[in-house]
Protein backbone atom coordinates (compact mmCIF):
# COMPACT_ATOMS: atom_id res chain seq x y z
CA MET A 1 97.16 98.96 86.21
CA LYS A 2 100.63 98.66 84.56
CA GLY A 3 103.24 100.77 85.50
CA PHE A 4 101.79 101.58 89.38
CA LYS A 5 103.31 100.10 92.39
CA VAL A 6 100.27 100.88 94.62
CA GLN A 7 96.51 99.33 92.65
CA TYR A 8 93.23 99.08 94.02
CA LYS A 9 90.62 96.68 92.62
CA ASN A 10 87.68 96.41 93.93
CA SER A 11 88.27 98.45 97.06
CA VAL A 12 85.79 101.07 98.72
CA PHE A 13 86.80 104.02 100.46
CA SER A 14 84.26 106.13 102.51
CA GLY A 15 85.73 109.31 105.16
CA GLU A 16 89.21 109.26 103.91
CA LYS A 17 91.61 111.87 102.46
CA ILE A 18 92.75 109.92 99.26
CA GLU A 19 96.12 110.97 97.29
CA LEU A 20 95.90 109.62 93.66
CA ASP A 21 99.02 109.69 92.56
CA GLY A 22 101.39 107.03 92.03
CA LYS A 23 98.62 105.19 92.52
CA CYS A 24 96.33 102.85 89.75
CA PHE A 25 92.25 102.84 91.18
CA SER A 26 90.08 99.88 89.19
CA HIS A 27 86.87 98.97 90.11
CA CYS A 28 86.13 101.55 93.06
CA ARG A 29 84.76 103.47 95.43
CA PHE A 30 84.65 106.53 96.79
CA LYS A 31 82.32 107.79 98.83
CA ASP A 32 82.69 111.43 101.32
CA CYS A 33 86.74 111.19 101.20
CA MET A 34 88.65 114.42 99.96
CA VAL A 35 90.76 113.15 96.52
CA VAL A 36 93.71 114.82 96.24
CA ILE A 37 96.04 115.00 93.79
CA GLU A 38 98.87 117.07 92.51
CA LYS A 39 101.14 115.80 89.28
CA GLY A 40 98.23 113.75 87.67
CA GLU A 41 100.06 110.62 87.71
CA THR A 42 97.39 107.88 88.37
CA GLU A 43 95.21 105.90 86.89
CA ILE A 44 91.41 105.81 87.66
CA ASP A 45 89.18 103.27 85.39
CA ASN A 46 85.68 102.45 86.08
CA CYS A 47 85.25 104.31 89.82
CA ARG A 48 82.27 105.90 91.22
CA ILE A 49 82.62 109.01 93.37
CA GLU A 50 80.13 110.17 95.77
CA ASN A 51 80.43 113.06 97.28
CA CYS A 52 83.57 113.84 97.48
CA LYS A 53 85.75 117.30 97.37
CA LEU A 54 88.63 117.21 95.70
CA LEU A 55 92.04 118.79 96.55
CA LEU A 56 94.20 120.46 93.72
CA ARG A 57 97.99 121.00 94.63
CA GLY A 58 100.92 121.61 92.42
CA ASN A 59 100.76 120.94 88.94
CA ALA A 60 97.07 120.03 88.83
CA TYR A 61 95.82 123.39 90.45
CA THR A 62 98.13 125.22 87.71
CA VAL A 63 96.51 122.86 85.29
CA GLY A 64 93.21 124.19 86.82
CA LYS A 65 93.67 127.62 86.32
CA ILE A 66 94.28 127.29 82.88
CA ILE A 67 91.30 125.57 81.87
CA THR A 68 89.53 127.79 84.37
CA LEU A 69 91.34 130.59 82.11
CA PHE A 70 89.69 128.45 78.85
CA THR A 71 86.68 128.17 80.05
CA GLY A 72 84.97 131.25 82.75
CA LYS A 73 84.99 129.14 84.99
CA GLY A 74 86.52 126.77 87.70
CA PRO A 75 86.42 122.88 87.01
CA VAL A 76 85.90 122.23 90.52
CA LYS A 77 85.42 124.48 93.43
CA VAL A 78 88.67 124.80 94.65
CA LEU A 79 89.27 124.57 99.08
CA ASP A 80 90.53 127.27 100.57
CA PHE A 81 93.19 126.13 102.90
CA ASP A 82 91.03 127.16 106.46
CA GLU A 83 87.53 125.52 105.30
CA PRO A 84 87.28 121.93 107.02
CA LEU A 85 87.83 118.65 104.88
CA PHE A 86 85.19 116.76 106.66
CA GLU A 87 82.38 118.19 107.59
CA LYS A 88 80.86 116.60 110.88
CA PRO A 89 76.94 115.54 111.34
CA ALA A 90 75.05 117.87 113.09
């Protein structure tokens, strides 16, 4: 957890948009969240992720495209900007 000004430990995030860059997460839980990463400058240790969507931007998006070239398939679903980030319950 060194080097990050913003650090979370044993935190629960639910139904939120969470920007990972520049932050450290230890023993956290992410539920129904939009998880956003751009540069990849983050630390995630022993966290649980449940029913979350991942949005890659900038350098992270480029790395995702490169992984797709090597594997022949995308590592994650890339969201269209017109797609709703959070689905409303019926």
